[in-house]
Amino acid sequence: MSLKIKATLSLYKNLFKQTLIYGLATVFPRIISFILNPLFVCYLPDKSKMGEVSVIFAYLVFFNVVLSYGMETSFFRFYNSEDDKKNVISTSTVSLFWSSLGFLVMSLLFRNTLASWSEINVEYITYTIWILTLDALAIIPFSKLRAEKKPMKYAVIKMANVTINLLLNVFFLAFLPKIATNNPNGFLSTIYFDNFQIGYIFVSNLVASLITLLILLPNYLKIAWKFDVILWKKMMKYGLPILIAGIAFAINEHFDKIFLDWMHVPLSDIGAYSACYKIGMFMVLFRTAYTLGIEPFFFSHASNENAQQTYATITKYFVIFGSFICLFVIAFIDLLKHPLVPDSKYWDAIQVVPLIVVANFFLGIYTNLSVWYKLIDKTHIGAYISIIGALVTLALNYLLIPTMSYYGSAIATIAAYGSMMIISYKMGQKSYPIPYDFNKIFSYLGLTILFSGISFYVPYVRETYLIKILLLSLFLYFIYYSEKETLLRIIKRKAK
């Protein structure tokens, strides 16, 4: 075996290892998210409370992006390019520390105004402000772990965070009411309040975020607290387009719940939509795990001679695995809904799930295609593309929600991500040509959408699981037939 082939195999092995560990750190929180979804469905008083929680979480995600202002991606970029890595760590940490502290003070001062404007309970606003601040302070310590290739430590801390969150939610929602009823004079009864389920959800998040920051606190104690203004300006210049792209992404990903609320869709409908939306998170799980592993990889291997071919190959196999996940989830939605959304009152929104799954698949492909503008330091292009997607999202939500409610939001999501995917591909091939195997990628994508549509929207097929299994088998055979030469080469290599 030639040195070049060995180097390539080693490269893929390293990528797989990082993706696997980061994937674990992402899969576990998503599994917890799947557990929390039925927990909320079962223990929140009604669908409107689920809608209220979903709207607040949407605001939380949006402001998470604002408070990071692109510094996470900028950190990776300059950590790999600057000789003085400690200076990068210190400057980015100091920047986020003071901006987070400023946000905390200002938001607490004006929390009543924020509550009045958003029509959200001021107590929930207060919890959200603290959660946002604590999470922002953890950004650089987590990024440092990834940059220093400490995926296990990263994964353990992330998993501890969501485990604490889960256990507290289970305790507050499922056990505390029973304990208070059975022992009204006990100590735990003093922390029980009637009709405070939403408050307990945010208390659980707050405690988990606080414990996580305490674990990461040594990172703040070890740095020199040096602030390099020149470096910071360069980081901000690189990161601000990422911020714009992040805001646009947050609009595409979560703003639908806020928009539905603004357009006076009943909170009960928003609750049903949000609960069923979770079924589509299998694709989000795969995409997020992949992104965590691939982003540092893209930057660290950009100078390799065969970088473009490597990116093309990775994208093709992303589409293969993503296509199978997409088809599997859509084919078996009616089985998955029972454990994930265990209340039939929510199932009137199940029709949006195929659109959400395919939309997130498009977003995953876009993530692959977006590598070109990051590598040539033109992150503003990513911002422009994301803005286009956000405009599509806002426009279609505005036009479709009055007549189609949350179904219009699902259509807007798939249209936004589809347009971003196409635009990025077209622009990328002009500025940083990558030899994608477009014929195979298009074939896999097209076949997935066709089979998914048949398995869900054709009534007889939807009720007949034997046909769905046959469709999955036919898809796998098509993959094997198309990739047979590559698979045989891998088998022969292992045999040697």
Protein backbone atom coordinates (compact mmCIF):
# COMPACT_ATOMS: atom_id res chain seq x y z
CA MET A 1 0.00 0.00 0.00
CA SER A 2 1.43 3.38 -1.00
CA LEU A 3 2.21 6.11 1.51
CA LYS A 4 -0.42 8.33 -0.11
CA ILE A 5 -3.15 5.72 0.35
CA LYS A 6 -2.04 5.09 3.95
CA ALA A 7 -2.16 8.81 4.66
CA THR A 8 -5.65 9.05 3.15
CA LEU A 9 -6.91 6.09 5.19
CA SER A 10 -5.38 7.58 8.33
CA LEU A 11 -7.10 10.86 7.57
CA TYR A 12 -10.50 9.17 7.26
CA LYS A 13 -9.85 7.11 10.39
CA ASN A 14 -9.10 10.27 12.38
CA LEU A 15 -12.22 11.95 11.02
CA PHE A 16 -14.34 8.92 11.92
CA LYS A 17 -12.92 8.81 15.46
CA GLN A 18 -13.60 12.50 16.11
CA THR A 19 -17.06 12.29 14.57
CA LEU A 20 -17.86 9.21 16.66
CA ILE A 21 -16.91 10.85 19.98
CA TYR A 22 -18.47 14.21 19.16
CA GLY A 23 -21.42 12.26 17.85
CA LEU A 24 -21.74 10.58 21.23
CA ALA A 25 -21.73 14.00 22.89
CA THR A 26 -24.51 15.02 20.51
CA VAL A 27 -26.48 11.79 20.29
CA PHE A 28 -26.79 11.60 24.06
CA PRO A 29 -28.30 15.10 24.45
CA ARG A 30 -30.67 14.38 21.57
CA ILE A 31 -31.73 11.14 23.24
CA ILE A 32 -32.37 13.17 26.37
CA SER A 33 -34.35 15.60 24.22
CA PHE A 34 -36.43 12.67 22.95
CA ILE A 35 -37.07 11.63 26.57
CA LEU A 36 -37.96 15.17 27.64
CA ASN A 37 -40.47 15.51 24.79
CA PRO A 38 -42.80 12.72 26.02
CA LEU A 39 -42.15 13.87 29.59
CA PHE A 40 -43.43 17.34 28.74
CA VAL A 41 -46.33 15.87 26.75
CA CYS A 42 -47.36 13.73 29.73
CA TYR A 43 -46.83 16.18 32.60
CA LEU A 44 -47.59 19.64 31.20
CA PRO A 45 -51.27 20.40 31.78
CA ASP A 46 -52.16 20.83 28.10
CA LYS A 47 -50.85 21.55 24.59
CA SER A 48 -50.88 25.30 25.18
CA LYS A 49 -48.25 24.93 27.93
CA MET A 50 -46.09 22.95 25.52
CA GLY A 51 -46.54 25.80 23.05
CA GLU A 52 -45.48 28.35 25.66
CA VAL A 53 -42.33 26.36 26.49
CA SER A 54 -41.50 26.03 22.78
CA VAL A 55 -41.80 29.77 22.17
CA ILE A 56 -39.51 30.59 25.12
CA PHE A 57 -36.94 28.01 23.99
CA ALA A 58 -37.04 29.55 20.50
CA TYR A 59 -36.14 32.95 21.99
CA LEU A 60 -33.39 31.26 24.02
CA VAL A 61 -31.79 29.73 20.92
CA PHE A 62 -31.99 33.03 19.08
CA PHE A 63 -30.21 34.96 21.84
CA ASN A 64 -27.65 32.19 22.30
CA VAL A 65 -26.48 33.02 18.78
CA VAL A 66 -26.39 36.75 19.51
CA LEU A 67 -24.36 36.30 22.69
CA SER A 68 -21.73 34.16 20.94
CA TYR A 69 -21.47 36.71 18.05
CA GLY A 70 -19.51 34.30 15.86
CA MET A 71 -16.65 34.02 18.36
CA GLU A 72 -16.76 30.22 18.48
CA THR A 73 -16.02 29.74 14.76
CA SER A 74 -13.59 32.66 14.83
CA PHE A 75 -11.77 30.97 17.71
CA PHE A 76 -11.21 27.81 15.62
CA ARG A 77 -10.01 29.83 12.66
CA PHE A 78 -7.40 31.81 14.59
CA TYR A 79 -6.41 29.01 16.93
CA ASN A 80 -5.25 27.08 13.86
CA SER A 81 -3.62 30.03 12.10
CA GLU A 82 -1.98 32.01 14.94
CA ASP A 83 1.32 31.00 16.53
CA ASP A 84 0.38 32.37 19.95
CA LYS A 85 -2.58 30.11 20.76
CA LYS A 86 -2.73 31.27 24.40
CA ASN A 87 -3.32 34.79 23.14
CA VAL A 88 -6.27 33.57 21.06
CA ILE A 89 -7.74 31.75 24.06
CA SER A 90 -7.29 34.72 26.38
CA THR A 91 -8.60 37.37 23.98
CA SER A 92 -11.74 35.41 23.03
CA THR A 93 -12.44 34.46 26.67
CA VAL A 94 -12.14 38.05 27.92
CA SER A 95 -14.35 39.28 25.08
CA LEU A 96 -17.16 36.85 25.83
CA PHE A 97 -16.83 37.31 29.60
CA TRP A 98 -17.47 41.06 29.53
CA SER A 99 -20.14 40.94 26.82
CA SER A 100 -22.01 38.25 28.78
CA LEU A 101 -21.75 40.23 32.01
CA GLY A 102 -23.05 43.33 30.24
CA PHE A 103 -25.98 41.38 28.82
CA LEU A 104 -26.81 39.99 32.26
CA VAL A 105 -26.90 43.40 33.94
CA MET A 106 -28.88 45.17 31.20
CA SER A 107 -31.39 42.34 30.74
CA LEU A 108 -32.12 42.06 34.47
CA LEU A 109 -32.67 45.82 34.65
CA PHE A 110 -35.21 45.71 31.79
CA ARG A 111 -36.75 42.27 32.40
CA ASN A 112 -40.18 43.70 33.16
CA THR A 113 -40.14 45.56 29.84
CA LEU A 114 -39.06 42.38 28.05
CA ALA A 115 -41.84 40.42 29.76
CA SER A 116 -44.43 43.01 28.77
CA TRP A 117 -43.24 43.09 25.15
CA SER A 118 -43.07 39.30 24.71
CA GLU A 119 -46.12 38.53 26.89
CA ILE A 120 -44.01 35.98 28.77
CA ASN A 121 -44.04 35.63 32.55
CA VAL A 122 -41.29 37.81 34.03
CA GLU A 123 -40.12 34.90 36.19
CA TYR A 124 -39.47 32.81 33.07
CA ILE A 125 -37.67 35.78 31.51
CA THR A 126 -35.35 35.96 34.53
CA TYR A 127 -34.49 32.25 34.34
CA THR A 128 -33.83 32.58 30.61
CA ILE A 129 -31.46 35.53 31.11
CA TRP A 130 -29.36 33.57 33.59
CA ILE A 131 -29.31 30.45 31.39
CA LEU A 132 -28.16 32.50 28.39
CA THR A 133 -25.38 34.14 30.41
CA LEU A 134 -24.05 30.89 31.86
CA ASP A 135 -24.13 29.17 28.47
CA ALA A 136 -22.28 32.06 26.82
CA LEU A 137 -19.53 31.88 29.43
CA ALA A 138 -19.01 28.19 28.60
CA ILE A 139 -18.50 28.74 24.84
CA ILE A 140 -14.71 29.24 24.74
CA PRO A 141 -13.88 26.57 27.34
CA PHE A 142 -15.84 24.05 25.26
CA SER A 143 -14.24 25.29 22.03
CA LYS A 144 -10.81 24.99 23.62
CA LEU A 145 -11.46 21.32 24.37
CA ARG A 146 -12.37 20.69 20.74
CA ALA A 147 -9.39 22.65 19.40
CA GLU A 148 -6.98 20.80 21.69
CA LYS A 149 -8.45 17.49 20.52
CA LYS A 150 -9.91 16.46 23.85
CA PRO A 151 -13.18 15.03 22.59
CA MET A 152 -13.68 12.64 25.52
CA LYS A 153 -13.58 15.41 28.13
CA TYR A 154 -15.84 17.52 25.92
CA ALA A 155 -18.29 14.63 25.60
CA VAL A 156 -18.34 13.80 29.33
CA ILE A 157 -19.10 17.40 30.34
CA LYS A 158 -21.78 17.80 27.69
CA MET A 159 -23.39 14.53 28.71
CA ALA A 160 -23.25 15.49 32.40
CA ASN A 161 -25.06 18.74 31.57
CA VAL A 162 -28.00 17.07 29.85
CA THR A 163 -28.15 14.24 32.41
CA ILE A 164 -28.53 16.74 35.24
CA ASN A 165 -31.15 18.59 33.22
CA LEU A 166 -33.08 15.36 32.58
CA LEU A 167 -32.95 14.14 36.17
CA LEU A 168 -34.11 17.47 37.53
CA ASN A 169 -36.97 17.64 35.03
CA VAL A 170 -38.07 14.12 35.94
CA PHE A 171 -37.85 14.95 39.64
CA PHE A 172 -39.71 18.26 39.44
CA LEU A 173 -42.43 17.16 37.00
CA ALA A 174 -43.00 13.50 37.86
CA PHE A 175 -41.96 12.96 41.50
CA LEU A 176 -42.14 16.26 43.39
CA PRO A 177 -45.95 16.66 43.08
CA LYS A 178 -46.45 13.12 44.49
CA ILE A 179 -43.94 13.74 47.31
CA ALA A 180 -45.66 17.02 48.24
CA THR A 181 -49.08 15.33 48.23
CA ASN A 182 -47.98 12.35 50.34
CA ASN A 183 -45.88 14.40 52.77
CA PRO A 184 -47.20 17.99 52.81
CA ASN A 185 -45.15 18.95 55.88
CA GLY A 186 -41.84 17.63 54.54
CA PHE A 187 -38.87 19.71 53.42
CA LEU A 188 -39.36 18.96 49.71
CA SER A 189 -42.92 20.26 49.93
CA THR A 190 -41.48 23.72 50.53
CA ILE A 191 -40.10 23.83 46.96
CA TYR A 192 -43.31 22.61 45.37
CA PHE A 193 -45.65 25.15 43.78
CA ASP A 194 -48.94 24.46 42.02
CA ASN A 195 -49.08 25.14 38.26
CA PHE A 196 -45.35 25.86 38.11
CA GLN A 197 -44.41 23.14 35.59
CA ILE A 198 -42.89 25.59 33.09
CA GLY A 199 -40.88 27.23 35.86
CA TYR A 200 -39.46 23.87 36.90
CA ILE A 201 -38.35 23.20 33.33
CA PHE A 202 -36.29 26.39 33.30
CA VAL A 203 -34.97 25.86 36.83
CA SER A 204 -33.66 22.47 35.66
CA ASN A 205 -31.89 24.09 32.71
CA LEU A 206 -30.46 26.82 34.94
CA VAL A 207 -29.00 24.40 37.48
CA ALA A 208 -27.47 22.25 34.72
CA SER A 209 -25.87 25.28 33.08
CA LEU A 210 -24.50 26.51 36.43
CA ILE A 211 -22.90 23.15 37.28
CA THR A 212 -21.39 22.94 33.78
CA LEU A 213 -19.79 26.35 34.12
CA LEU A 214 -18.40 25.42 37.54
CA ILE A 215 -16.75 22.36 35.98
CA LEU A 216 -15.22 24.57 33.28
CA LEU A 217 -14.23 27.31 35.73
CA PRO A 218 -10.51 26.28 35.83
CA ASN A 219 -10.26 27.57 32.25
CA TYR A 220 -10.97 31.07 33.56
CA LEU A 221 -8.48 30.71 36.38
CA LYS A 222 -5.61 29.51 34.15
CA ILE A 223 -5.65 32.19 31.45
CA ALA A 224 -3.57 35.38 31.69
CA TRP A 225 -6.60 37.65 31.07
CA LYS A 226 -4.64 39.35 28.34
CA PHE A 227 -6.69 41.19 25.73
CA ASP A 228 -5.10 41.71 22.31
CA VAL A 229 -7.10 44.49 20.65
CA ILE A 230 -5.58 43.93 17.21
CA LEU A 231 -6.30 40.21 17.31
CA TRP A 232 -9.79 40.86 18.67
CA LYS A 233 -10.59 43.15 15.76
CA LYS A 234 -9.47 40.48 13.31
CA MET A 235 -11.54 37.88 15.13
CA MET A 236 -14.58 40.15 15.13
CA LYS A 237 -14.15 40.89 11.43
CA TYR A 238 -14.07 37.18 10.74
CA GLY A 239 -16.80 36.33 13.24
CA LEU A 240 -19.43 39.01 12.60
CA PRO A 241 -20.51 37.47 9.28
CA ILE A 242 -20.83 34.21 11.21
CA LEU A 243 -23.09 36.06 13.66
CA ILE A 244 -25.29 37.26 10.82
CA ALA A 245 -25.37 33.76 9.40
CA GLY A 246 -26.15 32.41 12.88
CA ILE A 247 -29.06 34.79 13.34
CA ALA A 248 -30.37 33.81 9.92
CA PHE A 249 -29.89 30.14 10.89
CA ALA A 250 -31.80 30.69 14.14
CA ILE A 251 -34.61 32.27 12.12
CA ASN A 252 -34.70 29.25 9.82
CA GLU A 253 -34.44 26.71 12.64
CA HIS A 254 -36.56 28.11 15.46
CA PHE A 255 -38.22 31.39 14.52
CA ASP A 256 -41.28 29.57 13.20
CA LYS A 257 -42.55 29.06 16.77
CA ILE A 258 -42.10 32.77 17.51
CA PHE A 259 -43.71 33.73 14.20
CA LEU A 260 -46.66 31.42 14.85
CA ASP A 261 -47.12 33.12 18.22
CA TRP A 262 -46.86 36.59 16.70
CA MET A 263 -49.51 35.68 14.12
CA HIS A 264 -51.85 34.54 16.89
CA VAL A 265 -51.85 30.84 16.11
CA PRO A 266 -53.23 29.16 19.26
CA LEU A 267 -50.54 28.03 21.69
CA SER A 268 -52.17 24.58 21.65
CA ASP A 269 -51.43 24.27 17.91
CA ILE A 270 -47.87 25.51 18.46
CA GLY A 271 -47.51 22.88 21.19
CA ALA A 272 -48.67 20.08 18.88
CA TYR A 273 -46.37 21.29 16.10
CA SER A 274 -43.37 21.52 18.44
CA ALA A 275 -43.98 18.06 19.92
CA CYS A 276 -44.26 16.37 16.52
CA TYR A 277 -41.30 18.39 15.23
CA LYS A 278 -39.14 16.35 17.61
CA ILE A 279 -39.66 13.21 15.53
CA GLY A 280 -37.72 14.92 12.76
CA MET A 281 -34.80 15.41 15.13
CA PHE A 282 -33.21 12.09 14.12
CA MET A 283 -31.87 13.88 11.06
CA VAL A 284 -30.82 16.86 13.21
CA LEU A 285 -28.95 14.45 15.45
CA PHE A 286 -26.97 13.01 12.53
CA ARG A 287 -26.29 16.43 11.02
CA THR A 288 -25.14 18.03 14.27
CA ALA A 289 -22.80 15.18 15.20
CA TYR A 290 -21.28 15.34 11.75
CA THR A 291 -20.81 19.12 11.92
CA LEU A 292 -19.01 18.98 15.28
CA GLY A 293 -16.52 16.48 13.93
CA ILE A 294 -16.06 17.97 10.49
CA GLU A 295 -15.55 21.69 11.20
CA PRO A 296 -12.11 21.38 12.86
CA PHE A 297 -11.21 18.74 10.25
CA PHE A 298 -11.99 21.07 7.35
CA PHE A 299 -9.67 23.78 8.66
CA SER A 300 -6.81 21.48 9.67
CA HIS A 301 -6.71 19.68 6.27
CA ALA A 302 -7.33 22.65 3.99
CA SER A 303 -3.69 22.74 2.83
CA ASN A 304 -3.56 19.07 1.83
CA GLU A 305 -2.90 18.36 -1.84
CA ASN A 306 -6.07 16.30 -2.32
CA ALA A 307 -8.31 18.40 -0.05
CA GLN A 308 -10.99 19.04 -2.67
CA GLN A 309 -11.33 15.36 -3.54
CA THR A 310 -11.53 14.51 0.15
CA TYR A 311 -14.35 17.01 0.68
CA ALA A 312 -16.20 15.61 -2.34
CA THR A 313 -15.96 12.04 -1.04
CA ILE A 314 -17.08 13.03 2.45
CA THR A 315 -20.10 14.83 1.03
CA LYS A 316 -21.14 11.82 -1.03
CA TYR A 317 -21.06 9.50 1.97
CA PHE A 318 -22.89 12.05 4.08
CA VAL A 319 -25.67 11.96 1.50
CA ILE A 320 -25.70 8.14 1.51
CA PHE A 321 -26.05 7.83 5.30
CA GLY A 322 -28.39 10.80 5.50
CA SER A 323 -30.62 9.39 2.77
CA PHE A 324 -31.06 6.14 4.65
CA ILE A 325 -31.88 7.92 7.93
CA CYS A 326 -34.31 10.21 6.12
CA LEU A 327 -36.15 7.33 4.44
CA PHE A 328 -36.20 5.18 7.58
CA VAL A 329 -37.65 7.91 9.82
CA ILE A 330 -40.33 8.93 7.34
CA ALA A 331 -41.31 5.32 6.62
CA PHE A 332 -41.76 4.53 10.31
CA ILE A 333 -43.18 7.81 11.63
CA ASP A 334 -46.36 6.09 12.77
CA LEU A 335 -44.32 3.79 15.02
CA LEU A 336 -42.00 6.51 16.31
CA LYS A 337 -44.85 8.81 17.32
CA HIS A 338 -46.04 6.48 20.09
CA PRO A 339 -42.94 6.68 22.34
CA LEU A 340 -41.95 10.23 21.33
CA VAL A 341 -45.39 11.91 21.39
CA PRO A 342 -47.46 9.62 23.64
CA ASP A 343 -50.65 11.69 23.56
CA SER A 344 -52.88 11.36 20.50
CA LYS A 345 -54.14 14.92 21.03
CA TYR A 346 -50.81 16.09 19.57
CA TRP A 347 -50.91 13.86 16.46
CA ASP A 348 -52.86 16.29 14.31
CA ALA A 349 -49.45 17.88 13.53
CA ILE A 350 -47.79 14.62 12.42
CA GLN A 351 -48.15 15.59 8.76
CA VAL A 352 -45.32 18.10 9.03
CA VAL A 353 -42.69 15.54 10.06
CA PRO A 354 -41.62 14.38 6.55
CA LEU A 355 -41.04 17.99 5.53
CA ILE A 356 -38.97 18.67 8.65
CA VAL A 357 -36.84 15.56 8.11
CA VAL A 358 -36.11 16.39 4.47
CA ALA A 359 -35.48 20.05 5.36
CA ASN A 360 -32.83 19.07 7.90
CA PHE A 361 -31.29 16.71 5.36
CA PHE A 362 -30.96 19.66 2.97
CA LEU A 363 -29.36 21.67 5.76
CA GLY A 364 -26.83 18.90 6.34
CA ILE A 365 -25.88 18.90 2.67
CA TYR A 366 -25.58 22.68 2.82
CA THR A 367 -23.16 22.29 5.75
CA ASN A 368 -20.92 20.23 3.50
CA LEU A 369 -21.21 22.61 0.59
CA SER A 370 -20.46 25.66 2.76
CA VAL A 371 -16.85 24.61 3.40
CA TRP A 372 -15.58 26.60 0.42
CA TYR A 373 -16.31 30.11 1.73
CA LYS A 374 -14.89 29.30 5.18
CA LEU A 375 -11.62 28.04 3.73
CA ILE A 376 -11.07 31.09 1.54
CA ASP A 377 -11.94 33.48 4.40
CA LYS A 378 -15.09 34.82 2.77
CA THR A 379 -17.49 34.05 5.58
CA HIS A 380 -19.62 37.02 4.57
CA ILE A 381 -20.85 34.90 1.65
CA GLY A 382 -22.24 32.40 4.13
CA ALA A 383 -24.03 35.25 5.82
CA TYR A 384 -25.54 36.35 2.51
CA ILE A 385 -26.74 32.81 1.74
CA SER A 386 -28.21 32.43 5.23
CA ILE A 387 -29.93 35.79 4.92
CA ILE A 388 -31.55 34.62 1.69
CA GLY A 389 -32.73 31.51 3.52
CA ALA A 390 -34.05 33.63 6.39
CA LEU A 391 -35.91 35.91 3.96
CA VAL A 392 -37.49 32.85 2.35
CA THR A 393 -38.46 31.61 5.82
CA LEU A 394 -39.97 34.92 6.90
CA ALA A 395 -41.76 35.55 3.61
CA LEU A 396 -43.31 32.09 3.36
CA ASN A 397 -44.27 32.04 7.04
CA TYR A 398 -45.97 35.40 6.60
CA LEU A 399 -47.78 34.25 3.47
CA LEU A 400 -48.67 30.68 4.46
CA ILE A 401 -49.39 30.75 8.21
CA PRO A 402 -52.74 32.62 7.87
CA THR A 403 -54.15 29.83 5.68
CA MET A 404 -52.01 26.78 6.54
CA SER A 405 -50.95 27.43 10.17
CA TYR A 406 -47.87 25.38 11.21
CA TYR A 407 -47.94 23.39 7.96
CA GLY A 408 -46.97 26.63 6.24
CA SER A 409 -44.00 26.93 8.64
CA ALA A 410 -42.81 23.43 7.66
CA ILE A 411 -43.04 24.29 3.96
CA ALA A 412 -41.10 27.50 4.62
CA THR A 413 -38.34 25.52 6.36
CA ILE A 414 -37.81 23.06 3.53
CA ALA A 415 -37.90 25.87 0.94
CA ALA A 416 -35.32 27.90 2.88
CA TYR A 417 -32.82 25.07 3.33
CA GLY A 418 -33.31 23.84 -0.22
CA SER A 419 -32.58 27.28 -1.64
CA MET A 420 -29.48 27.67 0.56
CA MET A 421 -28.18 24.28 -0.58
CA ILE A 422 -28.56 25.11 -4.27
CA ILE A 423 -27.12 28.62 -4.00
CA SER A 424 -24.07 27.42 -2.05
CA TYR A 425 -23.36 24.70 -4.59
CA LYS A 426 -23.59 27.08 -7.57
CA MET A 427 -21.43 29.78 -5.97
CA GLY A 428 -18.91 27.34 -4.54
CA GLN A 429 -18.15 25.73 -7.86
CA LYS A 430 -17.10 29.12 -9.21
CA SER A 431 -14.86 30.19 -6.32
CA TYR A 432 -13.52 26.91 -4.90
CA PRO A 433 -14.30 24.04 -7.30
CA ILE A 434 -14.85 20.69 -5.58
CA PRO A 435 -15.36 17.60 -7.80
CA TYR A 436 -18.63 16.40 -6.27
CA ASP A 437 -20.06 13.22 -7.75
CA PHE A 438 -23.20 15.14 -8.59
CA ASN A 439 -24.90 12.35 -10.57
CA LYS A 440 -24.76 9.89 -7.68
CA ILE A 441 -25.65 12.51 -5.05
CA PHE A 442 -28.66 13.63 -7.07
CA SER A 443 -29.73 10.01 -7.62
CA TYR A 444 -29.57 9.16 -3.91
CA LEU A 445 -31.37 12.34 -2.95
CA GLY A 446 -34.09 11.95 -5.59
CA LEU A 447 -34.73 8.30 -4.77
CA THR A 448 -34.96 9.10 -1.05
CA ILE A 449 -37.56 11.82 -1.60
CA LEU A 450 -39.56 9.60 -3.99
CA PHE A 451 -39.64 6.58 -1.68
CA SER A 452 -40.32 8.78 1.36
CA GLY A 453 -43.28 10.41 -0.35
CA ILE A 454 -44.70 7.03 -1.38
CA SER A 455 -44.28 5.52 2.09
CA PHE A 456 -46.00 8.39 3.90
CA TYR A 457 -48.47 10.05 1.55
CA VAL A 458 -49.88 6.98 -0.25
CA PRO A 459 -52.49 5.67 2.25
CA TYR A 460 -52.19 1.96 1.38
CA VAL A 461 -48.40 2.01 1.53
CA ARG A 462 -48.44 3.99 4.80
CA GLU A 463 -50.48 1.21 6.39
CA THR A 464 -48.41 -1.65 4.94
CA TYR A 465 -45.03 -2.06 6.59
CA LEU A 466 -43.99 -4.89 4.28
CA ILE A 467 -43.99 -2.48 1.35
CA LYS A 468 -42.00 0.05 3.37
CA ILE A 469 -39.39 -2.59 4.20
CA LEU A 470 -39.22 -3.51 0.51
CA LEU A 471 -38.65 0.15 -0.38
CA LEU A 472 -35.84 0.39 2.17
CA SER A 473 -34.29 -2.82 0.83
CA LEU A 474 -34.52 -1.58 -2.73
CA PHE A 475 -32.83 1.67 -1.71
CA LEU A 476 -29.99 -0.20 0.02
CA TYR A 477 -29.51 -2.41 -3.03
CA PHE A 478 -29.29 0.67 -5.23
CA ILE A 479 -26.59 2.07 -2.91
CA TYR A 480 -24.68 -1.21 -3.01
CA TYR A 481 -24.93 -1.40 -6.80
CA SER A 482 -23.74 2.20 -7.21
CA GLU A 483 -20.89 1.94 -4.68
CA LYS A 484 -19.94 -1.68 -5.38
CA GLU A 485 -16.44 -0.95 -6.67
CA THR A 486 -15.54 1.12 -3.62
CA LEU A 487 -16.96 -1.47 -1.22
CA LEU A 488 -15.04 -4.29 -2.90
CA ARG A 489 -11.80 -2.31 -2.64
CA ILE A 490 -12.36 -1.81 1.09
CA ILE A 491 -13.12 -5.54 1.56
CA LYS A 492 -9.97 -6.57 -0.33
CA ARG A 493 -7.88 -4.15 1.72
CA LYS A 494 -9.18 -5.67 4.95
CA ALA A 495 -8.56 -9.19 3.64
CA LYS A 496 -4.88 -8.35 3.16
